[in-house]
Each structure stands twice: as C-alpha cells, then as structure tokens.
Amino acid sequence: MSEAWTRKEGKNPDGGLNEKGRASYKGGTLKPPVSAKAAKKSPEKAARRDSFCKRMMGMKKKLTSAKTANDPNSRINKALRKWDC
C-alpha cells in the first residue's frame, strides 16, 4: 500500500496534510502549516509562510485549469486558505 500522504487518510479535509500524512512522507520532516497569526510571532515562520504563498500562487496560475482555480474545494485552494494566503 502507498504512503498515507498520497491517500485520503493522510490529507486534512480543510487543506494540506494531517499529522499522519506528514509523518508518512519519506523526503524529510514536514512541518505543519503556518497561519498569519503564527507568522507574527516568529520571523522564521513568517518567511516560510511568505515563501509558500508565493510559490503556491504561482503554481495555481500556471498549473491549474480555470475550473480548478475557481473551485473552493480544490486541494490547492484549501491549502492556500489553511496558510492564510
């Protein structure tokens, strides 16, 4: 069976991966999303959040169809909401 991050059980319904999904990822240790509130407390978290938002917004523009980009339930839009982008 494949890793949890590739299946529904490793995905958070609100966007991104849940704890089980992050733990099953073999490329390294994944950290949880950084909200705008958490970013205000730490410059490192703020930089990480800013980088993620810029990267994902670019991916949304170039790699998704108009239907996916406008769908509030698409994985990319859920992730952007989770990170407060």
PDB file of N, CA and C in Angstrom:
ATOM      1  N   MET A   1       0.850  -1.179   0.000  1.00  0.00           N
ATOM      2  CA  MET A   1       0.000   0.000   0.000  1.00  0.00           C
ATOM      3  C   MET A   1       0.896   1.243   0.000  1.00  0.00           C
ATOM      4  N   SER A   2       0.419   2.304  -0.616  1.00  0.00           N
ATOM      5  CA  SER A   2       1.211   3.530  -0.714  1.00  0.00           C
ATOM      6  C   SER A   2       1.194   4.308   0.607  1.00  0.00           C
ATOM      7  N   GLU A   3       2.039   5.321   0.677  1.00  0.00           N
ATOM      8  CA  GLU A   3       2.156   6.118   1.894  1.00  0.00           C
ATOM      9  C   GLU A   3       0.852   6.882   2.163  1.00  0.00           C
ATOM     10  N   ALA A   4       0.643   7.241   3.423  1.00  0.00           N
ATOM     11  CA  ALA A   4      -0.601   7.908   3.826  1.00  0.00           C
ATOM     12  C   ALA A   4      -0.750   9.280   3.185  1.00  0.00           C
ATOM     13  N   TRP A   5       0.370   9.977   2.909  1.00  0.00           N
ATOM     14  CA  TRP A   5       0.245  11.324   2.347  1.00  0.00           C
ATOM     15  C   TRP A   5      -0.321  11.313   0.938  1.00  0.00           C
ATOM     16  N   THR A   6      -0.311  10.168   0.258  1.00  0.00           N
ATOM     17  CA  THR A   6      -0.880  10.073  -1.081  1.00  0.00           C
ATOM     18  C   THR A   6      -2.325   9.603  -1.064  1.00  0.00           C
ATOM     19  N   ARG A   7      -2.802   9.183   0.094  1.00  0.00           N
ATOM     20  CA  ARG A   7      -4.175   8.693   0.208  1.00  0.00           C
ATOM     21  C   ARG A   7      -5.016   9.656   1.040  1.00  0.00           C
ATOM     22  N   LYS A   8      -6.309   9.431   1.019  1.00  0.00           N
ATOM     23  CA  LYS A   8      -7.256  10.295   1.720  1.00  0.00           C
ATOM     24  C   LYS A   8      -6.989  10.342   3.223  1.00  0.00           C
ATOM     25  N   GLU A   9      -6.559   9.226   3.801  1.00  0.00           N
ATOM     26  CA  GLU A   9      -6.359   9.177   5.259  1.00  0.00           C
ATOM     27  C   GLU A   9      -5.227  10.093   5.734  1.00  0.00           C
ATOM     28  N   GLY A  10      -4.333  10.501   4.839  1.00  0.00           N
ATOM     29  CA  GLY A  10      -3.240  11.387   5.219  1.00  0.00           C
ATOM     30  C   GLY A  10      -3.499  12.846   4.903  1.00  0.00           C
ATOM     31  N   LYS A  11      -4.657  13.133   4.320  1.00  0.00           N
ATOM     32  CA  LYS A  11      -4.983  14.504   3.922  1.00  0.00           C
ATOM     33  C   LYS A  11      -5.977  15.125   4.883  1.00  0.00           C
ATOM     34  N   ASN A  12      -5.757  16.362   5.198  1.00  0.00           N
ATOM     35  CA  ASN A  12      -6.654  17.113   6.054  1.00  0.00           C
ATOM     36  C   ASN A  12      -7.831  17.593   5.202  1.00  0.00           C
ATOM     37  N   PRO A  13      -9.066  17.405   5.635  1.00  0.00           N
ATOM     38  CA  PRO A  13     -10.203  17.862   4.834  1.00  0.00           C
ATOM     39  C   PRO A  13     -10.228  19.373   4.624  1.00  0.00           C
ATOM     40  N   ASP A  14      -9.555  20.113   5.499  1.00  0.00           N
ATOM     41  CA  ASP A  14      -9.513  21.577   5.371  1.00  0.00           C
ATOM     42  C   ASP A  14      -8.359  22.052   4.505  1.00  0.00           C
ATOM     43  N   GLY A  15      -7.512  21.155   4.057  1.00  0.00           N
ATOM     44  CA  GLY A  15      -6.387  21.517   3.204  1.00  0.00           C
ATOM     45  C   GLY A  15      -5.071  21.063   3.787  1.00  0.00           C
ATOM     46  N   GLY A  16      -4.143  20.663   2.928  1.00  0.00           N
ATOM     47  CA  GLY A  16      -2.835  20.205   3.372  1.00  0.00           C
ATOM     48  C   GLY A  16      -2.883  18.779   3.887  1.00  0.00           C
ATOM     49  N   LEU A  17      -1.844  18.418   4.614  1.00  0.00           N
ATOM     50  CA  LEU A  17      -1.742  17.073   5.171  1.00  0.00           C
ATOM     51  C   LEU A  17      -2.010  17.097   6.668  1.00  0.00           C
ATOM     52  N   ASN A  18      -2.557  16.010   7.180  1.00  0.00           N
ATOM     53  CA  ASN A  18      -2.713  15.900   8.622  1.00  0.00           C
ATOM     54  C   ASN A  18      -1.423  15.323   9.221  1.00  0.00           C
ATOM     55  N   GLU A  19      -1.405  15.085  10.504  1.00  0.00           N
ATOM     56  CA  GLU A  19      -0.202  14.592  11.185  1.00  0.00           C
ATOM     57  C   GLU A  19       0.254  13.249  10.630  1.00  0.00           C
ATOM     58  N   LYS A  20      -0.689  12.370  10.367  1.00  0.00           N
ATOM     59  CA  LYS A  20      -0.344  11.056   9.828  1.00  0.00           C
ATOM     60  C   LYS A  20       0.271  11.183   8.432  1.00  0.00           C
ATOM     61  N   GLY A  21      -0.261  12.075   7.631  1.00  0.00           N
ATOM     62  CA  GLY A  21       0.271  12.295   6.294  1.00  0.00           C
ATOM     63  C   GLY A  21       1.667  12.883   6.315  1.00  0.00           C
ATOM     64  N   ARG A  22       1.903  13.859   7.204  1.00  0.00           N
ATOM     65  CA  ARG A  22       3.238  14.458   7.325  1.00  0.00           C
ATOM     66  C   ARG A  22       4.253  13.437   7.828  1.00  0.00           C
ATOM     67  N   ALA A  23       3.830  12.550   8.733  1.00  0.00           N
ATOM     68  CA  ALA A  23       4.737  11.535   9.281  1.00  0.00           C
ATOM     69  C   ALA A  23       5.093  10.478   8.237  1.00  0.00           C
ATOM     70  N   SER A  24       4.199  10.213   7.297  1.00  0.00           N
ATOM     71  CA  SER A  24       4.455   9.170   6.308  1.00  0.00           C
ATOM     72  C   SER A  24       5.316   9.652   5.141  1.00  0.00           C
ATOM     73  N   TYR A  25       5.532  10.951   5.018  1.00  0.00           N
ATOM     74  CA  TYR A  25       6.323  11.490   3.905  1.00  0.00           C
ATOM     75  C   TYR A  25       7.788  11.144   4.107  1.00  0.00           C
ATOM     76  N   LYS A  26       8.399  10.509   3.123  1.00  0.00           N
ATOM     77  CA  LYS A  26       9.759   9.990   3.280  1.00  0.00           C
ATOM     78  C   LYS A  26      10.851  10.975   2.856  1.00  0.00           C
ATOM     79  N   GLY A  27      10.506  12.104   2.235  1.00  0.00           N
ATOM     80  CA  GLY A  27      11.504  13.034   1.737  1.00  0.00           C
ATOM     81  C   GLY A  27      12.120  13.901   2.823  1.00  0.00           C
ATOM     82  N   GLY A  28      11.654  13.822   4.013  1.00  0.00           N
ATOM     83  CA  GLY A  28      12.140  14.645   5.110  1.00  0.00           C
ATOM     84  C   GLY A  28      11.036  14.867   6.108  1.00  0.00           C
ATOM     85  N   THR A  29      11.285  15.719   7.062  1.00  0.00           N
ATOM     86  CA  THR A  29      10.241  16.014   8.046  1.00  0.00           C
ATOM     87  C   THR A  29       9.466  17.231   7.576  1.00  0.00           C
ATOM     88  N   LEU A  30       8.177  17.069   7.450  1.00  0.00           N
ATOM     89  CA  LEU A  30       7.315  18.167   7.035  1.00  0.00           C
ATOM     90  C   LEU A  30       6.753  18.855   8.262  1.00  0.00           C
ATOM     91  N   LYS A  31       6.715  20.167   8.206  1.00  0.00           N
ATOM     92  CA  LYS A  31       6.173  20.943   9.311  1.00  0.00           C
ATOM     93  C   LYS A  31       4.722  21.299   9.005  1.00  0.00           C
ATOM     94  N   PRO A  32       3.931  21.558  10.039  1.00  0.00           N
ATOM     95  CA  PRO A  32       2.533  21.932   9.811  1.00  0.00           C
ATOM     96  C   PRO A  32       2.436  23.332   9.197  1.00  0.00           C
ATOM     97  N   PRO A  33       1.283  23.676   8.625  1.00  0.00           N
ATOM     98  CA  PRO A  33       1.101  24.994   8.018  1.00  0.00           C
ATOM     99  C   PRO A  33       1.282  26.125   9.031  1.00  0.00           C
ATOM    100  N   VAL A  34       1.664  27.288   8.521  1.00  0.00           N
ATOM    101  CA  VAL A  34       1.852  28.479   9.352  1.00  0.00           C
ATOM    102  C   VAL A  34       0.745  29.466   9.008  1.00  0.00           C
ATOM    103  N   SER A  35      -0.080  29.799   9.977  1.00  0.00           N
ATOM    104  CA  SER A  35      -1.139  30.778   9.752  1.00  0.00           C
ATOM    105  C   SER A  35      -0.565  32.184   9.905  1.00  0.00           C
ATOM    106  N   ALA A  36      -1.332  33.173   9.519  1.00  0.00           N
ATOM    107  CA  ALA A  36      -0.887  34.560   9.640  1.00  0.00           C
ATOM    108  C   ALA A  36      -0.649  34.919  11.106  1.00  0.00           C
ATOM    109  N   LYS A  37      -1.471  34.385  11.987  1.00  0.00           N
ATOM    110  CA  LYS A  37      -1.327  34.655  13.423  1.00  0.00           C
ATOM    111  C   LYS A  37      -0.002  34.111  13.954  1.00  0.00           C
ATOM    112  N   ALA A  38       0.351  32.886  13.558  1.00  0.00           N
ATOM    113  CA  ALA A  38       1.608  32.282  13.995  1.00  0.00           C
ATOM    114  C   ALA A  38       2.805  32.975  13.364  1.00  0.00           C
ATOM    115  N   ALA A  39       2.641  33.499  12.147  1.00  0.00           N
ATOM    116  CA  ALA A  39       3.740  34.163  11.445  1.00  0.00           C
ATOM    117  C   ALA A  39       4.144  35.461  12.139  1.00  0.00           C
ATOM    118  N   LYS A  40       3.208  36.085  12.820  1.00  0.00           N
ATOM    119  CA  LYS A  40       3.522  37.334  13.520  1.00  0.00           C
ATOM    120  C   LYS A  40       4.453  37.105  14.710  1.00  0.00           C
ATOM    121  N   LYS A  41       4.465  35.889  15.238  1.00  0.00           N
ATOM    122  CA  LYS A  41       5.266  35.587  16.423  1.00  0.00           C
ATOM    123  C   LYS A  41       6.714  35.259  16.107  1.00  0.00           C
ATOM    124  N   SER A  42       7.009  34.843  14.875  1.00  0.00           N
ATOM    125  CA  SER A  42       8.352  34.383  14.547  1.00  0.00           C
ATOM    126  C   SER A  42       8.740  34.816  13.134  1.00  0.00           C
ATOM    127  N   PRO A  43       9.900  35.448  12.966  1.00  0.00           N
ATOM    128  CA  PRO A  43      10.328  35.841  11.617  1.00  0.00           C
ATOM    129  C   PRO A  43      10.623  34.633  10.717  1.00  0.00           C
ATOM    130  N   GLU A  44      11.091  33.523  11.303  1.00  0.00           N
ATOM    131  CA  GLU A  44      11.353  32.323  10.509  1.00  0.00           C
ATOM    132  C   GLU A  44      10.045  31.756   9.949  1.00  0.00           C
ATOM    133  N   LYS A  45       9.019  31.713  10.790  1.00  0.00           N
ATOM    134  CA  LYS A  45       7.725  31.215  10.337  1.00  0.00           C
ATOM    135  C   LYS A  45       7.117  32.156   9.308  1.00  0.00           C
ATOM    136  N   ALA A  46       7.301  33.447   9.500  1.00  0.00           N
ATOM    137  CA  ALA A  46       6.776  34.429   8.547  1.00  0.00           C
ATOM    138  C   ALA A  46       7.434  34.266   7.183  1.00  0.00           C
ATOM    139  N   ALA A  47       8.732  34.036   7.160  1.00  0.00           N
ATOM    140  CA  ALA A  47       9.456  33.855   5.899  1.00  0.00           C
ATOM    141  C   ALA A  47       9.008  32.564   5.215  1.00  0.00           C
ATOM    142  N   ARG A  48       8.798  31.513   5.996  1.00  0.00           N
ATOM    143  CA  ARG A  48       8.351  30.230   5.446  1.00  0.00           C
ATOM    144  C   ARG A  48       6.956  30.364   4.854  1.00  0.00           C
ATOM    145  N   ARG A  49       6.087  31.060   5.548  1.00  0.00           N
ATOM    146  CA  ARG A  49       4.725  31.267   5.069  1.00  0.00           C
ATOM    147  C   ARG A  49       4.728  32.103   3.794  1.00  0.00           C
ATOM    148  N   ASP A  50       5.512  33.171   3.778  1.00  0.00           N
ATOM    149  CA  ASP A  50       5.592  34.049   2.612  1.00  0.00           C
ATOM    150  C   ASP A  50       6.086  33.275   1.388  1.00  0.00           C
ATOM    151  N   SER A  51       7.102  32.462   1.588  1.00  0.00           N
ATOM    152  CA  SER A  51       7.665  31.663   0.501  1.00  0.00           C
ATOM    153  C   SER A  51       6.630  30.665  -0.031  1.00  0.00           C
ATOM    154  N   PHE A  52       5.937  29.991   0.871  1.00  0.00           N
ATOM    155  CA  PHE A  52       4.926  29.017   0.464  1.00  0.00           C
ATOM    156  C   PHE A  52       3.822  29.694  -0.332  1.00  0.00           C
ATOM    157  N   CYS A  53       3.336  30.830   0.159  1.00  0.00           N
ATOM    158  CA  CYS A  53       2.228  31.516  -0.501  1.00  0.00           C
ATOM    159  C   CYS A  53       2.620  31.967  -1.910  1.00  0.00           C
ATOM    160  N   LYS A  54       3.809  32.520  -2.052  1.00  0.00           N
ATOM    161  CA  LYS A  54       4.263  32.958  -3.376  1.00  0.00           C
ATOM    162  C   LYS A  54       4.396  31.776  -4.327  1.00  0.00           C
ATOM    163  N   ARG A  55       4.987  30.692  -3.850  1.00  0.00           N
ATOM    164  CA  ARG A  55       5.186  29.511  -4.684  1.00  0.00           C
ATOM    165  C   ARG A  55       3.847  28.903  -5.112  1.00  0.00           C
ATOM    166  N   MET A  56       2.930  28.751  -4.176  1.00  0.00           N
ATOM    167  CA  MET A  56       1.647  28.125  -4.493  1.00  0.00           C
ATOM    168  C   MET A  56       0.765  29.014  -5.364  1.00  0.00           C
ATOM    169  N   MET A  57       0.830  30.325  -5.184  1.00  0.00           N
ATOM    170  CA  MET A  57       0.046  31.218  -6.040  1.00  0.00           C
ATOM    171  C   MET A  57       0.546  31.120  -7.475  1.00  0.00           C
ATOM    172  N   GLY A  58       1.853  30.991  -7.661  1.00  0.00           N
ATOM    173  CA  GLY A  58       2.409  30.811  -8.999  1.00  0.00           C
ATOM    174  C   GLY A  58       1.980  29.495  -9.601  1.00  0.00           C
ATOM    175  N   MET A  59       1.957  28.451  -8.777  1.00  0.00           N
ATOM    176  CA  MET A  59       1.513  27.137  -9.257  1.00  0.00           C
ATOM    177  C   MET A  59       0.033  27.183  -9.636  1.00  0.00           C
ATOM    178  N   LYS A  60      -0.730  27.902  -8.852  1.00  0.00           N
ATOM    179  CA  LYS A  60      -2.164  27.994  -9.128  1.00  0.00           C
ATOM    180  C   LYS A  60      -2.396  28.676 -10.476  1.00  0.00           C
ATOM    181  N   LYS A  61      -1.631  29.719 -10.762  1.00  0.00           N
ATOM    182  CA  LYS A  61      -1.790  30.428 -12.029  1.00  0.00           C
ATOM    183  C   LYS A  61      -1.371  29.579 -13.223  1.00  0.00           C
ATOM    184  N   LYS A  62      -0.221  28.908 -13.116  1.00  0.00           N
ATOM    185  CA  LYS A  62       0.359  28.224 -14.274  1.00  0.00           C
ATOM    186  C   LYS A  62      -0.085  26.776 -14.446  1.00  0.00           C
ATOM    187  N   LEU A  63      -0.354  26.078 -13.364  1.00  0.00           N
ATOM    188  CA  LEU A  63      -0.548  24.633 -13.467  1.00  0.00           C
ATOM    189  C   LEU A  63      -1.975  24.142 -13.268  1.00  0.00           C
ATOM    190  N   THR A  64      -2.917  25.047 -13.045  1.00  0.00           N
ATOM    191  CA  THR A  64      -4.287  24.585 -12.840  1.00  0.00           C
ATOM    192  C   THR A  64      -5.199  25.149 -13.921  1.00  0.00           C
ATOM    193  N   SER A  65      -6.268  24.446 -14.164  1.00  0.00           N
ATOM    194  CA  SER A  65      -7.260  24.936 -15.128  1.00  0.00           C
ATOM    195  C   SER A  65      -8.093  26.026 -14.463  1.00  0.00           C
ATOM    196  N   ALA A  66      -8.842  26.749 -15.260  1.00  0.00           N
ATOM    197  CA  ALA A  66      -9.700  27.806 -14.721  1.00  0.00           C
ATOM    198  C   ALA A  66     -10.741  27.216 -13.771  1.00  0.00           C
ATOM    199  N   LYS A  67     -11.226  26.020 -14.105  1.00  0.00           N
ATOM    200  CA  LYS A  67     -12.220  25.361 -13.255  1.00  0.00           C
ATOM    201  C   LYS A  67     -11.626  25.043 -11.881  1.00  0.00           C
ATOM    202  N   THR A  68     -10.418  24.484 -11.851  1.00  0.00           N
ATOM    203  CA  THR A  68      -9.768  24.139 -10.586  1.00  0.00           C
ATOM    204  C   THR A  68      -9.407  25.390  -9.804  1.00  0.00           C
ATOM    205  N   ALA A  69      -8.918  26.415 -10.488  1.00  0.00           N
ATOM    206  CA  ALA A  69      -8.502  27.650  -9.825  1.00  0.00           C
ATOM    207  C   ALA A  69      -9.675  28.337  -9.131  1.00  0.00           C
ATOM    208  N   ASN A  70     -10.871  28.203  -9.689  1.00  0.00           N
ATOM    209  CA  ASN A  70     -12.051  28.856  -9.110  1.00  0.00           C
ATOM    210  C   ASN A  70     -12.856  27.962  -8.186  1.00  0.00           C
ATOM    211  N   ASP A  71     -12.495  26.697  -8.093  1.00  0.00           N
ATOM    212  CA  ASP A  71     -13.219  25.747  -7.245  1.00  0.00           C
ATOM    213  C   ASP A  71     -12.767  25.893  -5.796  1.00  0.00           C
ATOM    214  N   PRO A  72     -13.650  26.299  -4.881  1.00  0.00           N
ATOM    215  CA  PRO A  72     -13.236  26.469  -3.483  1.00  0.00           C
ATOM    216  C   PRO A  72     -12.845  25.164  -2.797  1.00  0.00           C
ATOM    217  N   ASN A  73     -13.253  24.016  -3.360  1.00  0.00           N
ATOM    218  CA  ASN A  73     -12.936  22.729  -2.754  1.00  0.00           C
ATOM    219  C   ASN A  73     -11.730  22.046  -3.373  1.00  0.00           C
ATOM    220  N   SER A  74     -11.009  22.723  -4.278  1.00  0.00           N
ATOM    221  CA  SER A  74      -9.811  22.108  -4.856  1.00  0.00           C
ATOM    222  C   SER A  74      -8.716  22.075  -3.791  1.00  0.00           C
ATOM    223  N   ARG A  75      -7.806  21.096  -3.904  1.00  0.00           N
ATOM    224  CA  ARG A  75      -6.754  20.923  -2.902  1.00  0.00           C
ATOM    225  C   ARG A  75      -5.864  22.164  -2.814  1.00  0.00           C
ATOM    226  N   ILE A  76      -5.574  22.801  -3.941  1.00  0.00           N
ATOM    227  CA  ILE A  76      -4.693  23.964  -3.922  1.00  0.00           C
ATOM    228  C   ILE A  76      -5.361  25.136  -3.208  1.00  0.00           C
ATOM    229  N   ASN A  77      -6.648  25.351  -3.436  1.00  0.00           N
ATOM    230  CA  ASN A  77      -7.346  26.450  -2.757  1.00  0.00           C
ATOM    231  C   ASN A  77      -7.507  26.165  -1.267  1.00  0.00           C
ATOM    232  N   LYS A  78      -7.709  24.915  -0.908  1.00  0.00           N
ATOM    233  CA  LYS A  78      -7.811  24.569   0.517  1.00  0.00           C
ATOM    234  C   LYS A  78      -6.465  24.819   1.209  1.00  0.00           C
ATOM    235  N   ALA A  79      -5.373  24.458   0.545  1.00  0.00           N
ATOM    236  CA  ALA A  79      -4.052  24.675   1.132  1.00  0.00           C
ATOM    237  C   ALA A  79      -3.766  26.161   1.293  1.00  0.00           C
ATOM    238  N   LEU A  80      -4.113  26.952   0.312  1.00  0.00           N
ATOM    239  CA  LEU A  80      -3.887  28.392   0.398  1.00  0.00           C
ATOM    240  C   LEU A  80      -4.710  29.017   1.529  1.00  0.00           C
ATOM    241  N   ARG A  81      -5.930  28.529   1.733  1.00  0.00           N
ATOM    242  CA  ARG A  81      -6.739  29.024   2.854  1.00  0.00           C
ATOM    243  C   ARG A  81      -6.141  28.614   4.196  1.00  0.00           C
ATOM    244  N   LYS A  82      -5.628  27.386   4.263  1.00  0.00           N
ATOM    245  CA  LYS A  82      -5.051  26.884   5.505  1.00  0.00           C
ATOM    246  C   LYS A  82      -3.848  27.740   5.927  1.00  0.00           C
ATOM    247  N   TRP A  83      -3.087  28.202   4.943  1.00  0.00           N
ATOM    248  CA  TRP A  83      -1.903  29.026   5.204  1.00  0.00           C
ATOM    249  C   TRP A  83      -2.256  30.516   5.284  1.00  0.00           C
ATOM    250  N   ASP A  84      -3.518  30.882   5.139  1.00  0.00           N
ATOM    251  CA  ASP A  84      -3.974  32.276   5.149  1.00  0.00           C
ATOM    252  C   ASP A  84      -3.304  33.102   4.046  1.00  0.00           C
ATOM    253  N   CYS A  85      -3.233  32.519   2.854  1.00  0.00           N
ATOM    254  CA  CYS A  85      -2.619  33.230   1.717  1.00  0.00           C
ATOM    255  C   CYS A  85      -3.647  34.107   1.019  1.00  0.00           C
TER     256      CYS A  85
END
